[in-house]
Amino acid sequence: MIEFLDFEAPVAELEGKIAELRAMAQSDPKISISDDVKSLEKKSSKILSDLYQSLSPWQKAQVARHSQRPHALDYIHALITDFVPIAGDRKFAEDEAVVGGLGRFNGQPVMVIGQEKGSDTESRLKHNFGMAKPEGYRKAVRLMEMADKFGLPIITFVDTSGAYPGVDAEERGQAEAIARSTDCCLQLGVPLISVIIGEGGSGGAIAIATANCVLMMEHAIYSVISPEGAASILWRDPARNKDAATALKITAQDLKKFGVIDEIIPEPLGGAHRLPVDAIRTTRDVLSRVLSSYNGLSGEVLRTQRREKFLGIGRSL
């Protein structure tokens, strides 16, 4: 069952009425509900379409954080065949917030890395809600360097509210680990394609998204700080998160205008969480096209293109 967001209340009401009618029909087969159900479904679809055509930045943030939205492992299991996970940073520990390994995308060997939030209480705790510690970023560096050594393209799935802010992470060099991961991205001689599938939060996201091509789901968000964090700093009032979300320009549509991302991946009506299979299929098609466009390019060309892409963002903003 779909969990409705607060601004989807009119849709939730109609869906509830449809469920009641179907329950009545099950209890008494003589009752004809087909016309009523079709009418309510049409009305619900129209309201949902109108809502999602005019989402505010804060509403986009709510959709991007939806608990039923497909996560990194959903994309990996659906898109990557012969997937072999690789664990540990060979320095301190395994960080379950960052998942990755070898596999095949459309038959082509690739390295895949993702930030996994988890889908229920147990998995969210296991993956630390997608907030990586230094060992997570060092694992990402290890995997990227391995891919570079063997000439494998890299696909990353970004979905994190930010790097883990705990004292233990800071003690182990969180900022240094993020910086080295970002630097590693810039040094790669293989194609690096990143997909912002949910939240792209701060340095925790850019550490694996300094890519040749940055794709972004239609209702994902990408920012230097969360709306709540910005509201606390700028106005000392977390309740002004809506104002912060608007000011930060966190939506895919705004970021495409600024050249921060390269392409927006369309989502099903109502968001990727409503039809995850369709959302992942669309992502596969876009990834396939983009990845093939980098075939045959030398390492020097790829490095230069990547660096110029990010230098260009700073020059134009």
C-alpha atoms as a PDB file:
ATOM      1  CA  MET A   1       0.000   0.000   0.000  1.00  0.00           C
ATOM      2  CA  ILE A   2       1.256   3.444  -0.959  1.00  0.00           C
ATOM      3  CA  GLU A   3       2.036   5.824   1.910  1.00  0.00           C
ATOM      4  CA  PHE A   4       0.558   9.213   1.036  1.00  0.00           C
ATOM      5  CA  LEU A   5       2.402  12.466   1.682  1.00  0.00           C
ATOM      6  CA  ASP A   6       0.582  15.322   3.404  1.00  0.00           C
ATOM      7  CA  PHE A   7      -0.015  17.291   0.197  1.00  0.00           C
ATOM      8  CA  GLU A   8      -1.529  14.169  -1.397  1.00  0.00           C
ATOM      9  CA  ALA A   9      -4.499  14.181   1.021  1.00  0.00           C
ATOM     10  CA  PRO A  10      -7.138  14.688  -1.737  1.00  0.00           C
ATOM     11  CA  VAL A  11      -5.759  11.661  -3.598  1.00  0.00           C
ATOM     12  CA  ALA A  12      -5.648   9.598  -0.420  1.00  0.00           C
ATOM     13  CA  GLU A  13      -9.323  10.399   0.231  1.00  0.00           C
ATOM     14  CA  LEU A  14     -10.359   9.238  -3.231  1.00  0.00           C
ATOM     15  CA  GLU A  15      -8.208   6.108  -3.014  1.00  0.00           C
ATOM     16  CA  GLY A  16      -9.885   5.342   0.307  1.00  0.00           C
ATOM     17  CA  LYS A  17     -13.334   5.605  -1.282  1.00  0.00           C
ATOM     18  CA  ILE A  18     -12.245   3.281  -4.103  1.00  0.00           C
ATOM     19  CA  ALA A  19     -11.014   0.741  -1.555  1.00  0.00           C
ATOM     20  CA  GLU A  20     -14.343   0.953   0.310  1.00  0.00           C
ATOM     21  CA  LEU A  21     -16.286   0.295  -2.903  1.00  0.00           C
ATOM     22  CA  ARG A  22     -14.170  -2.715  -3.738  1.00  0.00           C
ATOM     23  CA  ALA A  23     -14.631  -4.075  -0.242  1.00  0.00           C
ATOM     24  CA  MET A  24     -18.399  -3.703  -0.616  1.00  0.00           C
ATOM     25  CA  ALA A  25     -18.314  -5.543  -3.951  1.00  0.00           C
ATOM     26  CA  GLN A  26     -16.376  -8.401  -2.404  1.00  0.00           C
ATOM     27  CA  SER A  27     -18.942  -8.770   0.383  1.00  0.00           C
ATOM     28  CA  ASP A  28     -21.895  -8.566  -2.017  1.00  0.00           C
ATOM     29  CA  PRO A  29     -21.174  -9.604  -5.652  1.00  0.00           C
ATOM     30  CA  LYS A  30     -24.556  -8.231  -6.755  1.00  0.00           C
ATOM     31  CA  ILE A  31     -23.367  -4.667  -6.218  1.00  0.00           C
ATOM     32  CA  SER A  32     -22.081  -3.035  -9.419  1.00  0.00           C
ATOM     33  CA  ILE A  33     -19.227  -0.626  -8.737  1.00  0.00           C
ATOM     34  CA  SER A  34     -17.348  -0.510 -12.043  1.00  0.00           C
ATOM     35  CA  ASP A  35     -18.699   2.867 -13.195  1.00  0.00           C
ATOM     36  CA  ASP A  36     -18.160   4.484  -9.792  1.00  0.00           C
ATOM     37  CA  VAL A  37     -14.635   3.098  -9.525  1.00  0.00           C
ATOM     38  CA  LYS A  38     -13.714   4.277 -13.035  1.00  0.00           C
ATOM     39  CA  SER A  39     -15.019   7.745 -12.277  1.00  0.00           C
ATOM     40  CA  LEU A  40     -13.115   7.987  -8.987  1.00  0.00           C
ATOM     41  CA  GLU A  41      -9.918   6.597 -10.551  1.00  0.00           C
ATOM     42  CA  LYS A  42     -10.112   9.163 -13.340  1.00  0.00           C
ATOM     43  CA  LYS A  43     -10.644  11.965 -10.824  1.00  0.00           C
ATOM     44  CA  SER A  44      -7.784  10.701  -8.639  1.00  0.00           C
ATOM     45  CA  SER A  45      -5.420  10.509 -11.602  1.00  0.00           C
ATOM     46  CA  LYS A  46      -6.317  14.054 -12.655  1.00  0.00           C
ATOM     47  CA  ILE A  47      -5.712  15.458  -9.161  1.00  0.00           C
ATOM     48  CA  LEU A  48      -2.415  13.561  -8.898  1.00  0.00           C
ATOM     49  CA  SER A  49      -1.305  14.860 -12.293  1.00  0.00           C
ATOM     50  CA  ASP A  50      -2.140  18.445 -11.352  1.00  0.00           C
ATOM     51  CA  LEU A  51      -0.295  18.111  -8.039  1.00  0.00           C
ATOM     52  CA  TYR A  52       2.875  16.701  -9.574  1.00  0.00           C
ATOM     53  CA  GLN A  53       2.993  19.258 -12.366  1.00  0.00           C
ATOM     54  CA  SER A  54       3.312  22.057  -9.824  1.00  0.00           C
ATOM     55  CA  LEU A  55       5.277  20.631  -6.892  1.00  0.00           C
ATOM     56  CA  SER A  56       7.092  23.153  -4.726  1.00  0.00           C
ATOM     57  CA  PRO A  57      10.768  22.513  -3.909  1.00  0.00           C
ATOM     58  CA  TRP A  58       9.783  21.402  -0.397  1.00  0.00           C
ATOM     59  CA  GLN A  59       7.217  18.983  -1.780  1.00  0.00           C
ATOM     60  CA  LYS A  60       9.913  17.632  -4.113  1.00  0.00           C
ATOM     61  CA  ALA A  61      12.077  17.044  -1.053  1.00  0.00           C
ATOM     62  CA  GLN A  62       9.267  15.046   0.542  1.00  0.00           C
ATOM     63  CA  VAL A  63       8.912  12.902  -2.581  1.00  0.00           C
ATOM     64  CA  ALA A  64      12.690  12.384  -2.789  1.00  0.00           C
ATOM     65  CA  ARG A  65      12.690  11.139   0.807  1.00  0.00           C
ATOM     66  CA  HIS A  66       9.652   8.865   0.456  1.00  0.00           C
ATOM     67  CA  SER A  67      10.317   5.627   2.334  1.00  0.00           C
ATOM     68  CA  GLN A  68       8.926   3.494  -0.517  1.00  0.00           C
ATOM     69  CA  ARG A  69      11.077   5.098  -3.193  1.00  0.00           C
ATOM     70  CA  PRO A  70      13.432   2.581  -4.876  1.00  0.00           C
ATOM     71  CA  HIS A  71      16.877   2.652  -3.293  1.00  0.00           C
ATOM     72  CA  ALA A  72      20.377   1.863  -4.551  1.00  0.00           C
ATOM     73  CA  LEU A  73      20.121  -1.894  -4.010  1.00  0.00           C
ATOM     74  CA  ASP A  74      16.791  -1.951  -5.893  1.00  0.00           C
ATOM     75  CA  TYR A  75      18.507  -0.400  -8.914  1.00  0.00           C
ATOM     76  CA  ILE A  76      21.552  -2.655  -8.592  1.00  0.00           C
ATOM     77  CA  HIS A  77      19.545  -5.873  -8.332  1.00  0.00           C
ATOM     78  CA  ALA A  78      17.325  -4.854 -11.265  1.00  0.00           C
ATOM     79  CA  LEU A  79      19.987  -3.478 -13.602  1.00  0.00           C
ATOM     80  CA  ILE A  80      23.216  -5.317 -12.773  1.00  0.00           C
ATOM     81  CA  THR A  81      23.592  -8.996 -13.591  1.00  0.00           C
ATOM     82  CA  ASP A  82      26.268 -11.273 -12.092  1.00  0.00           C
ATOM     83  CA  PHE A  83      26.660  -8.753  -9.273  1.00  0.00           C
ATOM     84  CA  VAL A  84      29.488  -9.584  -6.862  1.00  0.00           C
ATOM     85  CA  PRO A  85      29.504  -7.295  -3.795  1.00  0.00           C
ATOM     86  CA  ILE A  86      32.833  -6.100  -2.413  1.00  0.00           C
ATOM     87  CA  ALA A  87      33.125  -5.151   1.251  1.00  0.00           C
ATOM     88  CA  GLY A  88      35.541  -3.217   3.438  1.00  0.00           C
ATOM     89  CA  ASP A  89      37.994  -0.377   2.957  1.00  0.00           C
ATOM     90  CA  ARG A  90      41.080  -2.471   3.952  1.00  0.00           C
ATOM     91  CA  LYS A  91      41.924   0.224   6.473  1.00  0.00           C
ATOM     92  CA  PHE A  92      39.341   0.161   9.254  1.00  0.00           C
ATOM     93  CA  ALA A  93      35.978  -1.545   8.673  1.00  0.00           C
ATOM     94  CA  GLU A  94      33.046  -2.287   6.418  1.00  0.00           C
ATOM     95  CA  ASP A  95      30.500   0.520   6.019  1.00  0.00           C
ATOM     96  CA  GLU A  96      27.069  -0.771   4.997  1.00  0.00           C
ATOM     97  CA  ALA A  97      25.925   2.739   4.013  1.00  0.00           C
ATOM     98  CA  VAL A  98      27.995   2.354   0.830  1.00  0.00           C
ATOM     99  CA  VAL A  99      27.337  -0.735  -1.266  1.00  0.00           C
ATOM    100  CA  GLY A 100      29.262  -1.713  -4.351  1.00  0.00           C
ATOM    101  CA  GLY A 101      30.839  -4.383  -6.445  1.00  0.00           C
ATOM    102  CA  LEU A 102      31.419  -5.842  -9.877  1.00  0.00           C
ATOM    103  CA  GLY A 103      28.735  -6.843 -12.338  1.00  0.00           C
ATOM    104  CA  ARG A 104      27.415  -6.457 -15.849  1.00  0.00           C
ATOM    105  CA  PHE A 105      25.162  -3.730 -17.205  1.00  0.00           C
ATOM    106  CA  ASN A 106      23.587  -4.804 -20.498  1.00  0.00           C
ATOM    107  CA  GLY A 107      26.319  -7.421 -20.692  1.00  0.00           C
ATOM    108  CA  GLN A 108      29.132  -4.877 -20.235  1.00  0.00           C
ATOM    109  CA  PRO A 109      31.413  -5.345 -17.188  1.00  0.00           C
ATOM    110  CA  VAL A 110      31.077  -2.387 -14.819  1.00  0.00           C
ATOM    111  CA  MET A 111      31.824  -1.299 -11.274  1.00  0.00           C
ATOM    112  CA  VAL A 112      28.744  -0.098  -9.420  1.00  0.00           C
ATOM    113  CA  ILE A 113      28.653   1.930  -6.181  1.00  0.00           C
ATOM    114  CA  GLY A 114      25.609   3.186  -4.303  1.00  0.00           C
ATOM    115  CA  GLN A 115      24.470   4.786  -1.068  1.00  0.00           C
ATOM    116  CA  GLU A 116      21.811   2.584   0.512  1.00  0.00           C
ATOM    117  CA  LYS A 117      19.277   4.010   2.979  1.00  0.00           C
ATOM    118  CA  GLY A 118      17.368   0.813   3.732  1.00  0.00           C
ATOM    119  CA  SER A 119      13.652   0.142   3.401  1.00  0.00           C
ATOM    120  CA  ASP A 120      12.563  -0.876   6.925  1.00  0.00           C
ATOM    121  CA  THR A 121      13.740  -0.291  10.482  1.00  0.00           C
ATOM    122  CA  GLU A 122      16.205  -3.174  10.503  1.00  0.00           C
ATOM    123  CA  SER A 123      17.802  -2.349   7.144  1.00  0.00           C
ATOM    124  CA  ARG A 124      17.883   1.383   7.871  1.00  0.00           C
ATOM    125  CA  LEU A 125      19.865   0.764  11.030  1.00  0.00           C
ATOM    126  CA  LYS A 126      22.134  -1.671   9.180  1.00  0.00           C
ATOM    127  CA  HIS A 127      22.857   0.882   6.449  1.00  0.00           C
ATOM    128  CA  ASN A 128      22.918   3.855   8.855  1.00  0.00           C
ATOM    129  CA  PHE A 129      20.185   5.575   6.823  1.00  0.00           C
ATOM    130  CA  GLY A 130      22.610   5.974   3.923  1.00  0.00           C
ATOM    131  CA  MET A 131      24.962   8.242   5.881  1.00  0.00           C
ATOM    132  CA  ALA A 132      28.481   6.989   5.242  1.00  0.00           C
ATOM    133  CA  LYS A 133      31.426   7.199   7.608  1.00  0.00           C
ATOM    134  CA  PRO A 134      35.043   7.650   6.449  1.00  0.00           C
ATOM    135  CA  GLU A 135      35.409   3.928   5.811  1.00  0.00           C
ATOM    136  CA  GLY A 136      32.487   4.122   3.382  1.00  0.00           C
ATOM    137  CA  TYR A 137      34.208   6.742   1.254  1.00  0.00           C
ATOM    138  CA  ARG A 138      37.516   4.893   1.490  1.00  0.00           C
ATOM    139  CA  LYS A 139      35.732   1.785   0.251  1.00  0.00           C
ATOM    140  CA  ALA A 140      34.376   3.843  -2.647  1.00  0.00           C
ATOM    141  CA  VAL A 141      37.925   4.963  -3.468  1.00  0.00           C
ATOM    142  CA  ARG A 142      39.111   1.371  -3.331  1.00  0.00           C
ATOM    143  CA  LEU A 143      36.399   0.282  -5.778  1.00  0.00           C
ATOM    144  CA  MET A 144      36.961   3.217  -8.133  1.00  0.00           C
ATOM    145  CA  GLU A 145      40.706   2.584  -8.227  1.00  0.00           C
ATOM    146  CA  MET A 146      40.041  -1.095  -8.951  1.00  0.00           C
ATOM    147  CA  ALA A 147      37.733  -0.142 -11.816  1.00  0.00           C
ATOM    148  CA  ASP A 148      40.322   2.275 -13.176  1.00  0.00           C
ATOM    149  CA  LYS A 149      43.020  -0.421 -13.045  1.00  0.00           C
ATOM    150  CA  PHE A 150      40.920  -2.870 -15.069  1.00  0.00           C
ATOM    151  CA  GLY A 151      39.338  -0.318 -17.412  1.00  0.00           C
ATOM    152  CA  LEU A 152      35.770  -0.725 -16.145  1.00  0.00           C
ATOM    153  CA  PRO A 153      33.133   2.037 -16.424  1.00  0.00           C
ATOM    154  CA  ILE A 154      31.687   3.122 -13.074  1.00  0.00           C
ATOM    155  CA  ILE A 155      28.019   3.717 -12.277  1.00  0.00           C
ATOM    156  CA  THR A 156      27.094   5.345  -8.966  1.00  0.00           C
ATOM    157  CA  PHE A 157      23.657   5.675  -7.376  1.00  0.00           C
ATOM    158  CA  VAL A 158      23.497   8.668  -5.033  1.00  0.00           C
ATOM    159  CA  ASP A 159      20.955   8.716  -2.202  1.00  0.00           C
ATOM    160  CA  THR A 160      22.067  10.256   1.077  1.00  0.00           C
ATOM    161  CA  SER A 161      21.036  13.121   3.313  1.00  0.00           C
ATOM    162  CA  GLY A 162      24.762  13.673   3.870  1.00  0.00           C
ATOM    163  CA  ALA A 163      27.847  12.109   5.371  1.00  0.00           C
ATOM    164  CA  TYR A 164      27.482  10.798   8.932  1.00  0.00           C
ATOM    165  CA  PRO A 165      28.087  13.738  11.335  1.00  0.00           C
ATOM    166  CA  GLY A 166      29.073  11.752  14.421  1.00  0.00           C
ATOM    167  CA  VAL A 167      32.128  12.385  16.578  1.00  0.00           C
ATOM    168  CA  ASP A 168      33.618   8.974  15.739  1.00  0.00           C
ATOM    169  CA  ALA A 169      33.453   9.761  12.014  1.00  0.00           C
ATOM    170  CA  GLU A 170      35.184  13.101  12.548  1.00  0.00           C
ATOM    171  CA  GLU A 171      37.864  11.424  14.630  1.00  0.00           C
ATOM    172  CA  ARG A 172      38.618   9.071  11.742  1.00  0.00           C
ATOM    173  CA  GLY A 173      38.936  11.875   9.192  1.00  0.00           C
ATOM    174  CA  GLN A 174      35.514  12.330   7.599  1.00  0.00           C
ATOM    175  CA  ALA A 175      36.389  15.497   5.663  1.00  0.00           C
ATOM    176  CA  GLU A 176      39.667  14.012   4.410  1.00  0.00           C
ATOM    177  CA  ALA A 177      37.926  10.832   3.251  1.00  0.00           C
ATOM    178  CA  ILE A 178      35.297  12.816   1.319  1.00  0.00           C
ATOM    179  CA  ALA A 179      37.972  15.013  -0.256  1.00  0.00           C
ATOM    180  CA  ARG A 180      40.035  11.997  -1.347  1.00  0.00           C
ATOM    181  CA  SER A 181      36.973  10.308  -2.823  1.00  0.00           C
ATOM    182  CA  THR A 182      36.128  13.459  -4.791  1.00  0.00           C
ATOM    183  CA  ASP A 183      39.744  13.716  -5.963  1.00  0.00           C
ATOM    184  CA  CYS A 184      39.709  10.055  -6.987  1.00  0.00           C
ATOM    185  CA  CYS A 185      36.658  10.728  -9.164  1.00  0.00           C
ATOM    186  CA  LEU A 186      38.542  13.497 -10.954  1.00  0.00           C
ATOM    187  CA  GLN A 187      41.607  11.300 -11.599  1.00  0.00           C
ATOM    188  CA  LEU A 188      39.764   8.353 -13.173  1.00  0.00           C
ATOM    189  CA  GLY A 189      40.608   7.329 -16.717  1.00  0.00           C
ATOM    190  CA  VAL A 190      37.319   5.456 -17.163  1.00  0.00           C
ATOM    191  CA  PRO A 191      33.763   6.785 -17.638  1.00  0.00           C
ATOM    192  CA  LEU A 192      31.960   7.682 -14.418  1.00  0.00           C
ATOM    193  CA  ILE A 193      28.173   8.071 -14.606  1.00  0.00           C
ATOM    194  CA  SER A 194      26.230   9.153 -11.508  1.00  0.00           C
ATOM    195  CA  VAL A 195      22.483   8.998 -10.923  1.00  0.00           C
ATOM    196  CA  ILE A 196      20.857  11.053  -8.145  1.00  0.00           C
ATOM    197  CA  ILE A 197      17.983   8.694  -7.294  1.00  0.00           C
ATOM    198  CA  GLY A 198      16.669  10.347  -4.129  1.00  0.00           C
ATOM    199  CA  GLU A 199      18.581  12.792  -1.955  1.00  0.00           C
ATOM    200  CA  GLY A 200      21.952  14.149  -2.973  1.00  0.00           C
ATOM    201  CA  GLY A 201      23.152  15.741   0.219  1.00  0.00           C
ATOM    202  CA  SER A 202      26.277  17.892   0.467  1.00  0.00           C
ATOM    203  CA  GLY A 203      29.800  16.439   0.273  1.00  0.00           C
ATOM    204  CA  GLY A 204      28.371  13.044   1.113  1.00  0.00           C
ATOM    205  CA  ALA A 205      26.874  13.006  -2.377  1.00  0.00           C
ATOM    206  CA  ILE A 206      29.545  14.803  -4.403  1.00  0.00           C
ATOM    207  CA  ALA A 207      32.156  12.328  -3.113  1.00  0.00           C
ATOM    208  CA  ILE A 208      30.827   9.732  -5.560  1.00  0.00           C
ATOM    209  CA  ALA A 209      29.082  12.082  -8.010  1.00  0.00           C
ATOM    210  CA  THR A 210      31.999  14.053  -9.472  1.00  0.00           C
ATOM    211  CA  ALA A 211      31.188  12.352 -12.734  1.00  0.00           C
ATOM    212  CA  ASN A 212      31.472  12.742 -16.489  1.00  0.00           C
ATOM    213  CA  CYS A 213      27.686  12.751 -16.595  1.00  0.00           C
ATOM    214  CA  VAL A 214      25.320  13.437 -13.693  1.00  0.00           C
ATOM    215  CA  LEU A 215      21.773  12.182 -14.191  1.00  0.00           C
ATOM    216  CA  MET A 216      18.966  13.068 -11.805  1.00  0.00           C
ATOM    217  CA  MET A 217      15.545  11.579 -11.249  1.00  0.00           C
ATOM    218  CA  GLU A 218      12.713  14.018 -11.937  1.00  0.00           C
ATOM    219  CA  HIS A 219      11.662  14.346  -8.279  1.00  0.00           C
ATOM    220  CA  ALA A 220      15.082  13.895  -6.627  1.00  0.00           C
ATOM    221  CA  ILE A 221      16.886  16.735  -4.816  1.00  0.00           C
ATOM    222  CA  TYR A 222      20.564  17.756  -4.794  1.00  0.00           C
ATOM    223  CA  SER A 223      22.002  20.448  -2.519  1.00  0.00           C
ATOM    224  CA  VAL A 224      24.943  21.625  -0.435  1.00  0.00           C
ATOM    225  CA  ILE A 225      22.886  21.332   2.752  1.00  0.00           C
ATOM    226  CA  SER A 226      19.451  20.065   3.747  1.00  0.00           C
ATOM    227  CA  PRO A 227      16.588  22.611   3.799  1.00  0.00           C
ATOM    228  CA  GLU A 228      16.249  22.072   7.555  1.00  0.00           C
ATOM    229  CA  GLY A 229      19.967  22.679   8.098  1.00  0.00           C
ATOM    230  CA  ALA A 230      19.952  25.829   5.984  1.00  0.00           C
ATOM    231  CA  ALA A 231      16.894  27.165   7.820  1.00  0.00           C
ATOM    232  CA  SER A 232      18.596  26.582  11.180  1.00  0.00           C
ATOM    233  CA  ILE A 233      21.737  28.434  10.081  1.00  0.00           C
ATOM    234  CA  LEU A 234      20.190  31.303   8.125  1.00  0.00           C
ATOM    235  CA  TRP A 235      17.101  32.037  10.213  1.00  0.00           C
ATOM    236  CA  ARG A 236      17.738  29.974  13.363  1.00  0.00           C
ATOM    237  CA  ASP A 237      14.337  28.448  12.680  1.00  0.00           C
ATOM    238  CA  PRO A 238      14.087  24.884  11.269  1.00  0.00           C
ATOM    239  CA  ALA A 239      10.392  25.532  10.590  1.00  0.00           C
ATOM    240  CA  ARG A 240      11.415  27.733   7.659  1.00  0.00           C
ATOM    241  CA  ASN A 241      12.514  24.668   5.703  1.00  0.00           C
ATOM    242  CA  LYS A 242      10.110  25.531   2.875  1.00  0.00           C
ATOM    243  CA  ASP A 243      11.779  28.918   2.375  1.00  0.00           C
ATOM    244  CA  ALA A 244      15.202  27.278   2.465  1.00  0.00           C
ATOM    245  CA  ALA A 245      14.204  24.611  -0.052  1.00  0.00           C
ATOM    246  CA  THR A 246      13.115  27.308  -2.489  1.00  0.00           C
ATOM    247  CA  ALA A 247      16.225  29.436  -1.986  1.00  0.00           C
ATOM    248  CA  LEU A 248      18.643  26.516  -2.343  1.00  0.00           C
ATOM    249  CA  LYS A 249      17.412  25.567  -5.846  1.00  0.00           C
ATOM    250  CA  ILE A 250      17.471  21.870  -4.984  1.00  0.00           C
ATOM    251  CA  THR A 251      15.240  20.522  -7.756  1.00  0.00           C
ATOM    252  CA  ALA A 252      16.362  18.715 -10.894  1.00  0.00           C
ATOM    253  CA  GLN A 253      14.694  21.369 -13.037  1.00  0.00           C
ATOM    254  CA  ASP A 254      16.649  24.241 -11.432  1.00  0.00           C
ATOM    255  CA  LEU A 255      19.924  22.338 -11.420  1.00  0.00           C
ATOM    256  CA  LYS A 256      19.580  21.473 -15.106  1.00  0.00           C
ATOM    257  CA  LYS A 257      19.239  25.191 -15.911  1.00  0.00           C
ATOM    258  CA  PHE A 258      22.435  25.926 -13.967  1.00  0.00           C
ATOM    259  CA  GLY A 259      24.354  23.099 -15.653  1.00  0.00           C
ATOM    260  CA  VAL A 260      24.975  21.290 -12.361  1.00  0.00           C
ATOM    261  CA  ILE A 261      23.373  18.131 -13.752  1.00  0.00           C
ATOM    262  CA  ASP A 262      23.304  16.909 -17.344  1.00  0.00           C
ATOM    263  CA  GLU A 263      19.940  15.199 -17.784  1.00  0.00           C
ATOM    264  CA  ILE A 264      16.661  14.627 -15.961  1.00  0.00           C
ATOM    265  CA  ILE A 265      15.223  11.102 -15.898  1.00  0.00           C
ATOM    266  CA  PRO A 266      11.391  11.172 -16.043  1.00  0.00           C
ATOM    267  CA  GLU A 267       9.482   9.450 -13.246  1.00  0.00           C
ATOM    268  CA  PRO A 268       6.051   7.771 -13.370  1.00  0.00           C
ATOM    269  CA  LEU A 269       3.076   9.926 -12.431  1.00  0.00           C
ATOM    270  CA  GLY A 270       3.132  10.354  -8.658  1.00  0.00           C
ATOM    271  CA  GLY A 271       6.830   9.589  -8.260  1.00  0.00           C
ATOM    272  CA  ALA A 272       9.156   6.609  -8.577  1.00  0.00           C
ATOM    273  CA  HIS A 273       7.702   4.996  -5.449  1.00  0.00           C
ATOM    274  CA  ARG A 274       4.356   4.421  -7.185  1.00  0.00           C
ATOM    275  CA  LEU A 275       5.770   2.413 -10.083  1.00  0.00           C
ATOM    276  CA  PRO A 276       9.355   1.517  -9.150  1.00  0.00           C
ATOM    277  CA  VAL A 277       9.728  -1.044 -11.944  1.00  0.00           C
ATOM    278  CA  ASP A 278       8.879   1.600 -14.546  1.00  0.00           C
ATOM    279  CA  ALA A 279      11.207   4.145 -12.937  1.00  0.00           C
ATOM    280  CA  ILE A 280      14.104   1.676 -12.945  1.00  0.00           C
ATOM    281  CA  ARG A 281      13.373   0.660 -16.546  1.00  0.00           C
ATOM    282  CA  THR A 282      13.518   4.290 -17.675  1.00  0.00           C
ATOM    283  CA  THR A 283      16.782   4.746 -15.768  1.00  0.00           C
ATOM    284  CA  ARG A 284      18.213   1.693 -17.526  1.00  0.00           C
ATOM    285  CA  ASP A 285      17.395   3.127 -20.945  1.00  0.00           C
ATOM    286  CA  VAL A 286      18.976   6.500 -20.170  1.00  0.00           C
ATOM    287  CA  LEU A 287      22.049   4.893 -18.582  1.00  0.00           C
ATOM    288  CA  SER A 288      22.519   2.619 -21.579  1.00  0.00           C
ATOM    289  CA  ARG A 289      22.460   5.548 -23.993  1.00  0.00           C
ATOM    290  CA  VAL A 290      24.765   7.732 -21.922  1.00  0.00           C
ATOM    291  CA  LEU A 291      27.292   4.992 -21.178  1.00  0.00           C
ATOM    292  CA  SER A 292      27.569   4.039 -24.850  1.00  0.00           C
ATOM    293  CA  SER A 293      28.393   7.660 -25.714  1.00  0.00           C
ATOM    294  CA  TYR A 294      31.684   7.331 -23.804  1.00  0.00           C
ATOM    295  CA  ASN A 295      32.853   4.166 -25.558  1.00  0.00           C
ATOM    296  CA  GLY A 296      36.258   4.520 -27.155  1.00  0.00           C
ATOM    297  CA  LEU A 297      37.268   7.742 -25.384  1.00  0.00           C
ATOM    298  CA  SER A 298      40.774   7.807 -23.931  1.00  0.00           C
ATOM    299  CA  GLY A 299      41.501   8.275 -20.255  1.00  0.00           C
ATOM    300  CA  GLU A 300      42.957  11.721 -20.859  1.00  0.00           C
ATOM    301  CA  VAL A 301      39.867  12.856 -22.746  1.00  0.00           C
ATOM    302  CA  LEU A 302      37.602  11.546 -19.967  1.00  0.00           C
ATOM    303  CA  ARG A 303      39.638  13.249 -17.236  1.00  0.00           C
ATOM    304  CA  THR A 304      39.720  16.547 -19.127  1.00  0.00           C
ATOM    305  CA  GLN A 305      35.989  16.453 -19.852  1.00  0.00           C
ATOM    306  CA  ARG A 306      35.200  15.727 -16.203  1.00  0.00           C
ATOM    307  CA  ARG A 307      37.410  18.490 -14.843  1.00  0.00           C
ATOM    308  CA  GLU A 308      36.187  21.064 -17.340  1.00  0.00           C
ATOM    309  CA  LYS A 309      32.590  20.142 -16.536  1.00  0.00           C
ATOM    310  CA  PHE A 310      33.016  21.028 -12.856  1.00  0.00           C
ATOM    311  CA  LEU A 311      35.234  24.040 -13.464  1.00  0.00           C
ATOM    312  CA  GLY A 312      32.545  25.272 -15.840  1.00  0.00           C
ATOM    313  CA  ILE A 313      29.920  25.128 -13.089  1.00  0.00           C
ATOM    314  CA  GLY A 314      32.007  27.431 -10.923  1.00  0.00           C
ATOM    315  CA  ARG A 315      32.644  29.834 -13.778  1.00  0.00           C
ATOM    316  CA  SER A 316      29.014  30.147 -14.764  1.00  0.00           C
ATOM    317  CA  LEU A 317      27.296  30.433 -11.373  1.00  0.00           C
END
